[in-house]
Amino acid sequence: MSVRLHIDRLVLDGLALAPADRAHFVAALESELARLVADGGISPAFANGIAMPSLRAPEVTFAPDAKPSQMGAAVAGALYRGVGR
């Protein structure tokens, strides 16, 4: 089975990343989300395809010294939990 996920827009209230850090954040988010789906599957509700106009994921908090890659992985986990896995 192949899974294709398209995130049109991701709004992260209160998270300010320097332009140089955004690529690390996005790479970690994509990698972790792919790993979570590969390891844990996806909810049967999404098996036949579904479009969601919006998703409110659980709140994520970061340590003050968190790296962009750690933040991206944490946000991926919240998104994964948000789709009802």
N, C-alpha and C. Protein backbone atom coordinates (compact mmCIF):
# COMPACT_ATOMS: atom_id res chain seq x y z
N MET A 1 0.85 -1.17 0.00
CA MET A 1 0.00 0.00 0.00
C MET A 1 0.90 1.23 0.00
N SER A 2 0.50 2.22 -0.76
CA SER A 2 1.24 3.46 -0.73
C SER A 2 0.34 4.54 -0.14
N VAL A 3 0.97 5.44 0.57
CA VAL A 3 0.25 6.54 1.21
C VAL A 3 0.83 7.83 0.68
N ARG A 4 -0.05 8.71 0.26
CA ARG A 4 0.37 10.03 -0.19
C ARG A 4 -0.31 11.07 0.69
N LEU A 5 0.48 11.91 1.28
CA LEU A 5 -0.03 12.94 2.17
C LEU A 5 0.41 14.29 1.64
N HIS A 6 -0.55 15.17 1.50
CA HIS A 6 -0.23 16.52 1.04
C HIS A 6 -0.71 17.50 2.12
N ILE A 7 0.19 18.28 2.62
CA ILE A 7 -0.15 19.33 3.60
C ILE A 7 -0.03 20.65 2.85
N ASP A 8 -1.17 21.26 2.62
CA ASP A 8 -1.19 22.51 1.86
C ASP A 8 -0.59 23.65 2.67
N ARG A 9 -0.96 23.70 3.94
CA ARG A 9 -0.49 24.79 4.80
C ARG A 9 -0.39 24.28 6.22
N LEU A 10 0.69 24.62 6.89
CA LEU A 10 0.90 24.22 8.28
C LEU A 10 1.08 25.50 9.10
N VAL A 11 0.17 25.71 10.03
CA VAL A 11 0.22 26.91 10.87
C VAL A 11 0.73 26.49 12.25
N LEU A 12 1.80 27.10 12.65
CA LEU A 12 2.42 26.80 13.94
C LEU A 12 2.43 28.08 14.77
N ASP A 13 1.42 28.24 15.60
CA ASP A 13 1.31 29.43 16.43
C ASP A 13 2.44 29.46 17.47
N GLY A 14 3.12 30.56 17.51
CA GLY A 14 4.14 30.77 18.53
C GLY A 14 5.50 30.16 18.22
N LEU A 15 5.68 29.61 17.05
CA LEU A 15 6.97 29.02 16.69
C LEU A 15 7.64 29.89 15.64
N ALA A 16 8.74 30.46 16.02
CA ALA A 16 9.49 31.30 15.09
C ALA A 16 10.78 30.58 14.74
N LEU A 17 10.95 30.28 13.47
CA LEU A 17 12.17 29.63 13.00
C LEU A 17 12.92 30.57 12.07
N ALA A 18 14.21 30.60 12.24
CA ALA A 18 15.04 31.37 11.31
C ALA A 18 14.95 30.70 9.94
N PRO A 19 15.03 31.48 8.88
CA PRO A 19 14.96 30.89 7.54
C PRO A 19 15.93 29.72 7.34
N ALA A 20 17.10 29.80 7.91
CA ALA A 20 18.10 28.73 7.77
C ALA A 20 17.67 27.45 8.48
N ASP A 21 16.80 27.57 9.48
CA ASP A 21 16.36 26.40 10.26
C ASP A 21 15.14 25.71 9.66
N ARG A 22 14.43 26.38 8.77
CA ARG A 22 13.19 25.84 8.23
C ARG A 22 13.40 24.54 7.47
N ALA A 23 14.45 24.46 6.70
CA ALA A 23 14.72 23.24 5.93
C ALA A 23 14.94 22.05 6.86
N HIS A 24 15.65 22.25 7.96
CA HIS A 24 15.88 21.16 8.93
C HIS A 24 14.57 20.74 9.58
N PHE A 25 13.75 21.71 9.91
CA PHE A 25 12.44 21.44 10.51
C PHE A 25 11.59 20.60 9.56
N VAL A 26 11.47 21.05 8.31
CA VAL A 26 10.63 20.36 7.33
C VAL A 26 11.16 18.96 7.04
N ALA A 27 12.46 18.82 6.90
CA ALA A 27 13.04 17.50 6.62
C ALA A 27 12.74 16.52 7.77
N ALA A 28 12.86 16.99 9.00
CA ALA A 28 12.58 16.13 10.15
C ALA A 28 11.10 15.79 10.23
N LEU A 29 10.24 16.76 9.95
CA LEU A 29 8.80 16.53 9.98
C LEU A 29 8.43 15.46 8.94
N GLU A 30 8.91 15.62 7.72
CA GLU A 30 8.60 14.67 6.66
C GLU A 30 9.13 13.27 6.98
N SER A 31 10.35 13.20 7.44
CA SER A 31 10.97 11.92 7.76
C SER A 31 10.24 11.20 8.89
N GLU A 32 9.94 11.93 9.95
CA GLU A 32 9.27 11.32 11.10
C GLU A 32 7.85 10.92 10.77
N LEU A 33 7.14 11.73 10.01
CA LEU A 33 5.78 11.38 9.63
C LEU A 33 5.77 10.13 8.75
N ALA A 34 6.71 10.04 7.83
CA ALA A 34 6.83 8.84 6.99
C ALA A 34 7.13 7.61 7.85
N ARG A 35 8.02 7.76 8.82
CA ARG A 35 8.35 6.64 9.70
C ARG A 35 7.14 6.20 10.51
N LEU A 36 6.41 7.15 11.06
CA LEU A 36 5.23 6.82 11.87
C LEU A 36 4.17 6.08 11.06
N VAL A 37 3.93 6.54 9.85
CA VAL A 37 2.94 5.87 8.99
C VAL A 37 3.44 4.48 8.61
N ALA A 38 4.72 4.35 8.28
CA ALA A 38 5.27 3.05 7.89
C ALA A 38 5.22 2.07 9.07
N ASP A 39 5.54 2.53 10.26
CA ASP A 39 5.57 1.66 11.44
C ASP A 39 4.18 1.39 12.02
N GLY A 40 3.34 2.40 12.07
CA GLY A 40 2.06 2.27 12.75
C GLY A 40 0.85 2.22 11.86
N GLY A 41 1.05 2.39 10.56
CA GLY A 41 -0.08 2.38 9.66
C GLY A 41 -0.86 3.67 9.73
N ILE A 42 -2.03 3.59 9.14
CA ILE A 42 -2.89 4.75 9.10
C ILE A 42 -4.31 4.30 9.44
N SER A 43 -5.06 5.17 10.01
CA SER A 43 -6.42 4.85 10.42
C SER A 43 -7.22 4.30 9.25
N PRO A 44 -8.03 3.26 9.48
CA PRO A 44 -8.87 2.71 8.40
C PRO A 44 -9.77 3.77 7.76
N ALA A 45 -10.11 4.81 8.50
CA ALA A 45 -10.94 5.88 7.95
C ALA A 45 -10.27 6.57 6.76
N PHE A 46 -8.95 6.48 6.69
CA PHE A 46 -8.21 7.14 5.63
C PHE A 46 -7.79 6.17 4.53
N ALA A 47 -8.11 4.90 4.67
CA ALA A 47 -7.64 3.88 3.73
C ALA A 47 -8.11 4.13 2.30
N ASN A 48 -9.29 4.66 2.13
CA ASN A 48 -9.81 4.89 0.78
C ASN A 48 -9.62 6.32 0.31
N GLY A 49 -8.85 7.07 1.03
CA GLY A 49 -8.59 8.45 0.65
C GLY A 49 -9.59 9.40 1.28
N ILE A 50 -9.11 10.49 1.74
CA ILE A 50 -9.97 11.49 2.37
C ILE A 50 -9.27 12.84 2.29
N ALA A 51 -10.02 13.86 2.14
CA ALA A 51 -9.49 15.21 2.18
C ALA A 51 -10.01 15.86 3.46
N MET A 52 -9.12 16.45 4.20
CA MET A 52 -9.50 17.13 5.44
C MET A 52 -9.25 18.62 5.24
N PRO A 53 -10.29 19.43 5.39
CA PRO A 53 -10.08 20.87 5.21
C PRO A 53 -9.18 21.46 6.29
N SER A 54 -9.18 20.84 7.47
CA SER A 54 -8.30 21.30 8.54
C SER A 54 -8.13 20.19 9.57
N LEU A 55 -7.10 20.31 10.33
CA LEU A 55 -6.81 19.36 11.40
C LEU A 55 -6.21 20.13 12.56
N ARG A 56 -6.76 19.93 13.72
CA ARG A 56 -6.20 20.56 14.92
C ARG A 56 -5.47 19.45 15.66
N ALA A 57 -4.17 19.51 15.63
CA ALA A 57 -3.33 18.50 16.27
C ALA A 57 -3.15 18.83 17.75
N PRO A 58 -2.79 17.83 18.55
CA PRO A 58 -2.51 18.09 19.96
C PRO A 58 -1.39 19.12 20.11
N GLU A 59 -1.44 19.85 21.19
CA GLU A 59 -0.42 20.87 21.46
C GLU A 59 0.94 20.23 21.66
N VAL A 60 1.96 20.90 21.18
CA VAL A 60 3.33 20.43 21.31
C VAL A 60 4.12 21.51 22.04
N THR A 61 4.91 21.09 23.00
CA THR A 61 5.80 22.03 23.68
C THR A 61 7.24 21.58 23.44
N PHE A 62 8.13 22.55 23.42
CA PHE A 62 9.54 22.27 23.14
C PHE A 62 10.40 22.77 24.28
N ALA A 63 11.51 22.10 24.47
CA ALA A 63 12.52 22.58 25.42
C ALA A 63 13.10 23.86 24.84
N PRO A 64 13.54 24.77 25.68
CA PRO A 64 14.08 26.04 25.17
C PRO A 64 15.26 25.85 24.21
N ASP A 65 16.01 24.76 24.37
CA ASP A 65 17.17 24.54 23.51
C ASP A 65 16.90 23.51 22.40
N ALA A 66 15.63 23.26 22.11
CA ALA A 66 15.29 22.26 21.09
C ALA A 66 15.81 22.69 19.72
N LYS A 67 16.34 21.72 19.01
CA LYS A 67 16.82 21.95 17.65
C LYS A 67 15.65 21.89 16.68
N PRO A 68 15.76 22.55 15.52
CA PRO A 68 14.68 22.50 14.54
C PRO A 68 14.30 21.07 14.15
N SER A 69 15.29 20.17 14.08
CA SER A 69 14.98 18.79 13.72
C SER A 69 14.15 18.11 14.82
N GLN A 70 14.40 18.42 16.07
CA GLN A 70 13.60 17.88 17.17
C GLN A 70 12.19 18.43 17.14
N MET A 71 12.08 19.71 16.81
CA MET A 71 10.76 20.33 16.71
C MET A 71 9.95 19.70 15.57
N GLY A 72 10.59 19.50 14.44
CA GLY A 72 9.92 18.90 13.30
C GLY A 72 9.41 17.50 13.62
N ALA A 73 10.22 16.70 14.30
CA ALA A 73 9.81 15.35 14.68
C ALA A 73 8.65 15.39 15.67
N ALA A 74 8.68 16.33 16.60
CA ALA A 74 7.59 16.44 17.58
C ALA A 74 6.29 16.87 16.91
N VAL A 75 6.36 17.79 15.98
CA VAL A 75 5.17 18.22 15.26
C VAL A 75 4.61 17.07 14.41
N ALA A 76 5.49 16.29 13.81
CA ALA A 76 5.04 15.12 13.04
C ALA A 76 4.26 14.15 13.92
N GLY A 77 4.77 13.93 15.13
CA GLY A 77 4.05 13.05 16.07
C GLY A 77 2.68 13.59 16.42
N ALA A 78 2.57 14.89 16.60
CA ALA A 78 1.28 15.50 16.91
C ALA A 78 0.33 15.38 15.73
N LEU A 79 0.83 15.59 14.52
CA LEU A 79 -0.01 15.45 13.33
C LEU A 79 -0.50 14.02 13.19
N TYR A 80 0.37 13.08 13.42
CA TYR A 80 0.02 11.66 13.32
C TYR A 80 -1.07 11.31 14.35
N ARG A 81 -0.89 11.79 15.56
CA ARG A 81 -1.92 11.54 16.59
C ARG A 81 -3.23 12.27 16.24
N GLY A 82 -3.10 13.41 15.58
CA GLY A 82 -4.27 14.20 15.23
C GLY A 82 -5.18 13.57 14.20
N VAL A 83 -4.65 12.67 13.40
CA VAL A 83 -5.50 12.02 12.39
C VAL A 83 -6.19 10.78 12.94
N GLY A 84 -6.12 10.60 14.23
CA GLY A 84 -6.87 9.53 14.86
C GLY A 84 -6.23 8.17 14.85
N ARG A 85 -4.94 8.14 14.81
CA ARG A 85 -4.23 6.86 14.84
C ARG A 85 -4.31 6.25 16.19
